[in-house]
Amino acid sequence: MKVLFVSSWYPTQNNPNYGIFVKEHAKAIQTTATEIVVLAVLTERSKSFFKLITNDYIDESGIRTVEINILSRFRDIIHHLVPLQNRIAYHYFRKHILPTFSPDLVHSNVVFPAGVIGDYIAQKINKPSVITEHWSKIAGILKKPYLSYLVKRTYQKASKILPVSEYLKTNMKVLMPYLTDEKFLVVPNVVDAKLFTYKEKEQAETEIRFCAIATWATKNEPDKYPELFIEAISKVQSSVEKRLKLTIIGGGDRVEELKKLCVKLDVDADFVGYQPKAEIARILQHSHFMIHASRVETFGVVIVESLMTGTPVLCSNVAALPELINTSNGILCENTVESWEIGIMEVLRTKFNSELIALEVKKKYSLENVGEQITAIYSAN
């Protein structure tokens, strides 16, 4: 089986964390007997009127990766001008990929624009297509007439749609009830079990270490809600003898605001900025708990990364997170400070089996397990 793997979210040298969860799916497929070539069609803002840069290479996992970078000062227009992206992507595919790699199937990641591009290529070569869906903003694009038409047509023509959670599947079916249940198969995101490994937890003699990971961005309604756990930690601190230590990983334009809040509330917090995956794994291994307050999650990769290191998780009871957390591996909180105070006190009292947490999660979300799920779907097409 040969698969063309199409994405518009994919890590690059300039942005190594962009769409890294999509790359993990590619790595999962690579662990099987399937041959895979990645075609990443990326639009970026630049000072140029219009510039096309291609990069064709073998990545560290041995996957041939073809980047088509479309740079323009009119990036937003080009991003929505999918017929142009279709022509550019298909031209490069036909000239540089097809002569030596004729795919049996096209697998796209996120319906817009990659799914539309993947469908265009699949129709040109008369091959089936599947779409993995990670996106939480499908409702917004369905309100735009022409783009809605493209998205609905792409979903309808796909052999299978693979949402990464039951939560996302349910939302998609509500938005598009004409898509039959048989068209959907939930396939989760992947975590590298060779990187996020279990390490026995140190005894919390003088301090209890919490870790939070996100991009702390300003929006009208931010996805992440760190004020909840910062305020809750401040309130709980006076009730416990050991010092509660918080490590906050990630960047974004809210970092300075959150630093000031921690100082104001006397929360012992260390802001370490963006970190490579290996360092995130190390920090999680040395943390007693991971803490994650959110308003929406279509999956929750950082939650699974934490669990795979054996680190119990305290998180919001929203969206897809209840699919990941139960009483054996963490605590779910409602999005109020009071609920988070109760949650922190409960997690401090609970004795978790970290080794068992890591083992159970590894079974579900490893590269090999997810790779086998995806290739089984390929074989059925």
Protein backbone atom coordinates (compact mmCIF):
# COMPACT_ATOMS: atom_id res chain seq x y z
CA MET A 1 0.00 0.00 0.00
CA LYS A 2 1.28 3.44 -1.01
CA VAL A 3 -0.23 6.54 0.59
CA LEU A 4 0.06 10.23 -0.21
CA PHE A 5 -0.27 12.02 3.14
CA VAL A 6 -1.49 15.61 2.62
CA SER A 7 -1.48 18.35 5.24
CA SER A 8 -1.55 22.13 5.60
CA TRP A 9 -0.44 21.86 9.26
CA TYR A 10 3.07 20.44 9.36
CA PRO A 11 6.32 21.25 11.19
CA THR A 12 8.96 23.19 9.29
CA GLN A 13 12.49 24.31 10.11
CA ASN A 14 11.17 27.79 10.95
CA ASN A 15 8.19 26.49 12.94
CA PRO A 16 9.08 23.04 14.34
CA ASN A 17 5.98 22.75 16.57
CA TYR A 18 3.37 23.65 13.93
CA GLY A 19 1.07 20.67 13.38
CA ILE A 20 3.45 18.29 15.13
CA PHE A 21 0.51 16.01 16.01
CA VAL A 22 -0.05 15.51 12.26
CA LYS A 23 3.58 14.51 11.83
CA GLU A 24 3.14 11.97 14.65
CA HIS A 25 0.38 10.32 12.59
CA ALA A 26 2.77 10.14 9.64
CA LYS A 27 5.37 8.50 11.88
CA ALA A 28 2.73 6.03 13.09
CA ILE A 29 1.96 5.00 9.52
CA GLN A 30 5.70 4.68 8.85
CA THR A 31 5.94 1.96 11.54
CA THR A 32 3.77 -0.32 9.36
CA ALA A 33 4.40 -1.86 5.95
CA THR A 34 2.72 1.14 4.28
CA GLU A 35 4.86 3.36 2.04
CA ILE A 36 4.15 7.02 2.70
CA VAL A 37 5.08 10.35 1.11
CA VAL A 38 4.07 13.55 2.91
CA LEU A 39 2.88 16.52 0.85
CA ALA A 40 2.70 19.63 3.04
CA VAL A 41 1.09 22.67 1.38
CA LEU A 42 1.79 25.65 3.61
CA THR A 43 0.78 29.30 3.23
CA GLU A 44 2.88 31.85 5.09
CA ARG A 45 2.80 35.62 5.42
CA SER A 46 5.84 37.43 4.03
CA LYS A 47 6.87 40.70 2.40
CA SER A 48 6.82 39.07 -1.04
CA PHE A 49 3.93 39.61 -3.41
CA PHE A 50 3.97 35.90 -4.24
CA LYS A 51 6.80 33.43 -3.82
CA LEU A 52 6.91 29.65 -4.09
CA ILE A 53 9.58 27.65 -2.25
CA THR A 54 9.71 23.85 -2.34
CA ASN A 55 11.71 21.55 -0.14
CA ASP A 56 11.93 17.82 -0.91
CA TYR A 57 13.78 15.76 1.72
CA ILE A 58 13.87 12.59 3.81
CA ASP A 59 13.07 13.37 7.44
CA GLU A 60 14.57 11.87 10.59
CA SER A 61 12.05 8.98 10.48
CA GLY A 62 12.91 8.11 6.89
CA ILE A 63 9.72 9.68 5.47
CA ARG A 64 9.98 11.52 2.17
CA THR A 65 8.52 14.95 2.88
CA VAL A 66 7.66 17.49 0.21
CA GLU A 67 7.00 21.02 1.45
CA ILE A 68 5.34 23.52 -0.85
CA ASN A 69 5.63 26.90 0.85
CA ILE A 70 3.47 29.68 -0.62
CA LEU A 71 4.73 33.01 0.72
CA SER A 72 2.79 36.23 0.19
CA ARG A 73 1.79 39.49 1.82
CA PHE A 74 -1.73 38.38 0.84
CA ARG A 75 -1.44 35.14 2.77
CA ASP A 76 -5.03 35.15 4.08
CA ILE A 77 -6.46 35.52 0.58
CA ILE A 78 -4.27 32.73 -0.81
CA HIS A 79 -5.06 30.47 2.15
CA HIS A 80 -8.75 30.68 1.20
CA LEU A 81 -8.06 30.53 -2.56
CA VAL A 82 -8.11 26.76 -2.63
CA PRO A 83 -8.35 26.32 -6.44
CA LEU A 84 -4.93 28.00 -6.69
CA GLN A 85 -3.48 25.70 -4.03
CA ASN A 86 -5.03 22.72 -5.84
CA ARG A 87 -3.28 23.61 -9.09
CA ILE A 88 0.08 24.27 -7.41
CA ALA A 89 -0.04 21.06 -5.36
CA TYR A 90 -1.19 18.83 -8.22
CA HIS A 91 1.38 20.28 -10.63
CA TYR A 92 4.24 19.47 -8.24
CA PHE A 93 2.77 16.07 -7.40
CA ARG A 94 2.38 15.08 -11.06
CA LYS A 95 5.85 16.29 -12.04
CA HIS A 96 7.98 15.32 -9.03
CA ILE A 97 6.16 12.61 -7.03
CA LEU A 98 3.96 10.56 -9.36
CA PRO A 99 6.77 9.34 -11.70
CA THR A 100 8.34 7.32 -8.85
CA PHE A 101 5.48 7.04 -6.35
CA SER A 102 1.97 6.19 -7.51
CA PRO A 103 -0.29 6.23 -4.42
CA ASP A 104 -3.13 3.77 -3.85
CA LEU A 105 -4.88 6.22 -1.54
CA VAL A 106 -4.76 9.89 -0.48
CA HIS A 107 -4.91 10.60 3.27
CA SER A 108 -5.56 14.26 4.14
CA ASN A 109 -5.33 15.92 7.53
CA VAL A 110 -7.91 18.60 8.44
CA VAL A 111 -10.58 19.27 5.85
CA PHE A 112 -9.60 22.85 5.06
CA PRO A 113 -7.57 23.40 3.04
CA ALA A 114 -5.63 20.10 3.04
CA GLY A 115 -8.71 17.89 2.73
CA VAL A 116 -9.92 19.84 -0.29
CA ILE A 117 -6.45 19.66 -1.86
CA GLY A 118 -6.18 15.94 -1.14
CA ASP A 119 -9.62 15.31 -2.65
CA TYR A 120 -8.59 17.21 -5.81
CA ILE A 121 -5.49 15.03 -6.24
CA ALA A 122 -7.44 11.84 -5.45
CA GLN A 123 -10.01 12.66 -8.12
CA LYS A 124 -7.29 13.41 -10.66
CA ILE A 125 -5.64 10.01 -10.16
CA ASN A 126 -8.94 8.18 -9.52
CA LYS A 127 -8.00 6.91 -6.05
CA PRO A 128 -9.96 6.84 -2.76
CA SER A 129 -9.36 9.38 -0.02
CA VAL A 130 -9.68 9.50 3.76
CA ILE A 131 -9.56 12.53 6.05
CA THR A 132 -8.25 12.72 9.60
CA GLU A 133 -9.99 15.56 11.41
CA HIS A 134 -8.38 17.48 14.29
CA TRP A 135 -10.14 20.81 13.79
CA SER A 136 -12.48 22.43 16.32
CA LYS A 137 -13.57 25.29 14.03
CA ILE A 138 -15.59 23.43 11.41
CA ALA A 139 -18.77 25.29 12.43
CA GLY A 140 -17.19 28.62 11.47
CA ILE A 141 -16.19 27.57 7.96
CA LEU A 142 -19.61 26.05 7.32
CA LYS A 143 -21.05 29.58 7.62
CA LYS A 144 -19.07 30.74 4.55
CA PRO A 145 -21.06 29.75 1.44
CA TYR A 146 -18.36 28.80 -1.07
CA LEU A 147 -15.97 27.28 1.48
CA SER A 148 -18.89 25.43 3.07
CA TYR A 149 -19.68 23.91 -0.33
CA LEU A 150 -16.06 22.74 -0.75
CA VAL A 151 -15.87 21.30 2.77
CA LYS A 152 -19.21 19.45 2.59
CA ARG A 153 -18.36 18.01 -0.84
CA THR A 154 -14.95 16.86 0.39
CA TYR A 155 -16.42 15.08 3.43
CA GLN A 156 -19.12 13.43 1.31
CA LYS A 157 -16.60 12.11 -1.24
CA ALA A 158 -14.20 10.74 1.38
CA SER A 159 -14.29 6.99 1.94
CA LYS A 160 -13.78 7.50 5.68
CA ILE A 161 -13.56 10.43 8.09
CA LEU A 162 -11.28 9.84 11.09
CA PRO A 163 -11.99 12.31 13.92
CA VAL A 164 -9.47 12.14 16.76
CA SER A 165 -12.12 11.90 19.50
CA GLU A 166 -15.72 10.87 20.10
CA TYR A 167 -16.40 14.47 21.09
CA LEU A 168 -15.30 15.74 17.67
CA LYS A 169 -17.23 12.99 15.88
CA THR A 170 -20.43 13.94 17.73
CA ASN A 171 -20.00 17.62 16.90
CA MET A 172 -19.38 16.84 13.22
CA LYS A 173 -22.50 14.70 13.01
CA VAL A 174 -24.60 17.46 14.59
CA LEU A 175 -23.25 19.98 12.07
CA MET A 176 -23.60 17.60 9.10
CA PRO A 177 -26.35 15.05 9.88
CA TYR A 178 -26.34 13.83 6.27
CA LEU A 179 -22.97 12.14 6.91
CA THR A 180 -23.74 8.57 7.91
CA ASP A 181 -22.36 6.99 11.06
CA GLU A 182 -20.61 4.35 8.93
CA LYS A 183 -18.42 7.03 7.37
CA PHE A 184 -16.78 7.82 10.74
CA LEU A 185 -14.09 5.93 12.62
CA VAL A 186 -12.42 7.53 15.64
CA VAL A 187 -8.61 7.25 15.51
CA PRO A 188 -6.81 9.12 18.30
CA ASN A 189 -3.73 11.26 18.17
CA VAL A 190 -0.32 9.73 18.80
CA VAL A 191 2.32 10.15 21.48
CA ASP A 192 5.86 8.89 21.04
CA ALA A 193 6.20 6.23 23.75
CA LYS A 194 9.97 6.12 23.20
CA LEU A 195 10.22 9.77 24.23
CA PHE A 196 7.47 10.10 26.83
CA THR A 197 8.57 7.22 29.03
CA TYR A 198 7.61 6.22 32.55
CA LYS A 199 9.92 7.23 35.37
CA GLU A 200 9.22 6.46 39.02
CA LYS A 201 8.05 9.54 40.89
CA GLU A 202 10.22 11.05 43.59
CA GLN A 203 8.74 11.42 47.07
CA ALA A 204 7.26 14.88 47.63
CA GLU A 205 9.22 15.71 50.78
CA THR A 206 9.22 19.50 50.75
CA GLU A 207 7.42 20.50 47.54
CA ILE A 208 4.74 19.16 45.20
CA ARG A 209 5.46 19.91 41.56
CA PHE A 210 2.70 20.77 39.08
CA CYS A 211 3.31 21.27 35.36
CA ALA A 212 1.16 23.20 32.85
CA ILE A 213 1.71 23.16 29.07
CA ALA A 214 0.02 25.36 26.45
CA THR A 215 0.30 28.35 24.19
CA TRP A 216 -0.92 31.18 26.39
CA ALA A 217 -2.59 33.33 23.73
CA THR A 218 -4.92 36.33 23.94
CA LYS A 219 -8.26 35.77 22.19
CA ASN A 220 -11.79 37.08 22.66
CA GLU A 221 -12.37 33.84 24.56
CA PRO A 222 -9.02 32.05 25.07
CA ASP A 223 -8.94 28.27 24.68
CA LYS A 224 -6.84 27.89 27.85
CA TYR A 225 -7.94 29.09 31.27
CA PRO A 226 -4.79 29.23 33.48
CA GLU A 227 -6.28 31.75 35.92
CA LEU A 228 -8.35 28.93 37.37
CA PHE A 229 -5.48 26.76 38.53
CA ILE A 230 -3.26 29.71 39.47
CA GLU A 231 -5.95 31.12 41.78
CA ALA A 232 -6.80 27.65 43.10
CA ILE A 233 -3.15 26.86 43.90
CA SER A 234 -2.89 30.19 45.73
CA LYS A 235 -5.91 29.35 47.87
CA VAL A 236 -4.85 25.74 48.56
CA GLN A 237 -1.27 26.70 49.48
CA SER A 238 -2.35 28.06 52.87
CA SER A 239 -3.94 24.70 53.72
CA VAL A 240 -0.98 22.43 52.99
CA GLU A 241 2.45 22.23 54.57
CA LYS A 242 4.45 21.45 51.44
CA ARG A 243 5.23 24.13 48.89
CA LEU A 244 3.20 23.89 45.67
CA LYS A 245 5.58 24.50 42.78
CA LEU A 246 4.21 25.29 39.31
CA THR A 247 6.23 24.97 36.08
CA ILE A 248 4.57 26.65 33.09
CA ILE A 249 5.75 25.56 29.63
CA GLY A 250 4.89 27.48 26.46
CA GLY A 251 4.88 30.98 25.04
CA GLY A 252 2.30 33.42 23.79
CA ASP A 253 1.30 37.00 24.42
CA ARG A 254 -0.28 36.27 27.82
CA VAL A 255 2.91 35.12 29.51
CA GLU A 256 3.76 38.46 31.14
CA GLU A 257 0.19 38.85 32.38
CA LEU A 258 0.30 35.37 33.94
CA LYS A 259 3.66 36.05 35.56
CA LYS A 260 2.21 39.15 37.24
CA LEU A 261 -0.80 37.15 38.42
CA CYS A 262 1.47 34.52 40.01
CA VAL A 263 3.47 37.23 41.79
CA LYS A 264 0.29 38.93 43.00
CA LEU A 265 -1.13 35.66 44.38
CA ASP A 266 2.22 34.43 45.75
CA VAL A 267 2.24 31.33 43.54
CA ASP A 268 5.70 29.79 43.16
CA ALA A 269 5.80 29.58 39.35
CA ASP A 270 8.65 29.02 36.93
CA PHE A 271 7.94 30.11 33.33
CA VAL A 272 10.30 28.18 31.05
CA GLY A 273 8.92 29.17 27.62
CA TYR A 274 8.73 26.92 24.60
CA GLN A 275 10.60 23.66 25.04
CA PRO A 276 11.46 20.77 22.71
CA LYS A 277 9.52 17.56 23.22
CA ALA A 278 12.45 15.83 24.92
CA GLU A 279 12.65 18.55 27.57
CA ILE A 280 8.86 18.52 28.05
CA ALA A 281 9.08 14.77 28.66
CA ARG A 282 11.85 15.31 31.22
CA ILE A 283 9.88 18.00 33.08
CA LEU A 284 6.78 15.79 33.16
CA GLN A 285 8.81 12.87 34.52
CA HIS A 286 9.95 15.08 37.41
CA SER A 287 6.48 16.54 38.06
CA HIS A 288 4.03 15.02 40.50
CA PHE A 289 0.96 16.23 38.58
CA MET A 290 0.05 17.84 35.28
CA ILE A 291 -2.58 20.60 35.45
CA HIS A 292 -4.63 21.76 32.45
CA ALA A 293 -7.53 24.24 32.45
CA SER A 294 -9.26 24.59 29.10
CA ARG A 295 -12.52 25.63 27.48
CA VAL A 296 -12.28 23.35 24.44
CA GLU A 297 -10.18 20.35 23.39
CA THR A 298 -10.78 18.13 20.37
CA PHE A 299 -8.27 15.65 21.80
CA GLY A 300 -5.62 16.75 24.33
CA VAL A 301 -2.15 15.62 23.23
CA VAL A 302 -0.45 17.15 26.28
CA ILE A 303 -2.76 15.13 28.52
CA VAL A 304 -1.71 11.86 26.89
CA GLU A 305 1.97 12.90 26.95
CA SER A 306 1.66 13.45 30.68
CA LEU A 307 -0.11 10.16 31.32
CA MET A 308 2.45 8.28 29.25
CA THR A 309 5.16 9.44 31.67
CA GLY A 310 2.99 8.18 34.55
CA THR A 311 2.04 11.72 35.62
CA PRO A 312 -1.57 11.99 36.88
CA VAL A 313 -3.61 14.84 35.37
CA LEU A 314 -5.92 17.43 36.88
CA CYS A 315 -7.94 19.01 34.06
CA SER A 316 -11.19 20.63 32.98
CA ASN A 317 -14.26 18.48 32.51
CA VAL A 318 -14.87 19.74 28.95
CA ALA A 319 -14.99 18.49 25.37
CA ALA A 320 -12.80 15.42 24.72
CA LEU A 321 -10.93 15.45 28.04
CA PRO A 322 -13.35 13.12 29.89
CA GLU A 323 -12.46 10.50 27.24
CA LEU A 324 -8.89 10.54 28.58
CA ILE A 325 -9.26 11.02 32.33
CA ASN A 326 -10.83 8.74 34.93
CA THR A 327 -10.39 8.16 38.66
CA SER A 328 -7.37 5.90 38.08
CA ASN A 329 -5.28 8.55 36.30
CA GLY A 330 -6.52 11.96 37.41
CA ILE A 331 -9.30 14.33 38.41
CA LEU A 332 -11.80 16.29 36.31
CA CYS A 333 -12.81 19.79 37.44
CA GLU A 334 -15.59 22.15 36.43
CA ASN A 335 -14.32 25.52 35.25
CA THR A 336 -14.72 27.42 38.51
CA VAL A 337 -12.04 28.33 41.05
CA GLU A 338 -14.00 26.50 43.75
CA SER A 339 -14.04 23.26 41.75
CA TRP A 340 -10.33 23.56 41.08
CA GLU A 341 -9.60 24.08 44.78
CA ILE A 342 -11.49 20.89 45.56
CA GLY A 343 -9.75 19.10 42.69
CA ILE A 344 -6.27 20.04 43.87
CA MET A 345 -7.02 18.92 47.41
CA GLU A 346 -8.43 15.64 46.09
CA VAL A 347 -5.48 14.94 43.80
CA LEU A 348 -3.08 15.59 46.72
CA ARG A 349 -4.93 13.01 48.83
CA THR A 350 -5.14 10.35 46.12
CA LYS A 351 -2.52 7.61 45.71
CA PHE A 352 -2.06 6.93 41.98
CA ASN A 353 -0.27 3.98 40.40
CA SER A 354 1.97 5.91 38.00
CA GLU A 355 3.46 2.83 36.38
CA LEU A 356 0.01 1.43 35.58
CA ILE A 357 -1.13 4.83 34.24
CA ALA A 358 1.79 4.86 31.78
CA LEU A 359 1.23 1.24 30.73
CA GLU A 360 -2.49 1.68 30.01
CA VAL A 361 -1.99 4.84 27.97
CA LYS A 362 0.89 3.36 25.97
CA LYS A 363 -1.40 0.55 24.82
CA LYS A 364 -3.84 3.03 23.26
CA TYR A 365 -1.78 5.91 21.90
CA SER A 366 1.60 4.55 20.84
CA LEU A 367 2.89 4.97 17.28
CA GLU A 368 2.51 1.26 16.61
CA ASN A 369 -1.06 1.00 17.90
CA VAL A 370 -2.37 4.02 15.99
CA GLY A 371 -0.41 3.01 12.89
CA GLU A 372 -2.14 -0.39 12.89
CA GLN A 373 -5.56 1.26 13.26
CA ILE A 374 -4.95 3.57 10.30
CA THR A 375 -3.54 0.89 7.99
CA ALA A 376 -6.50 -1.39 8.76
CA ILE A 377 -8.74 1.40 7.43
CA TYR A 378 -6.56 1.71 4.34
CA SER A 379 -6.89 -2.01 3.65
CA ALA A 380 -10.67 -1.78 3.79
CA ASN A 381 -10.75 0.79 0.97
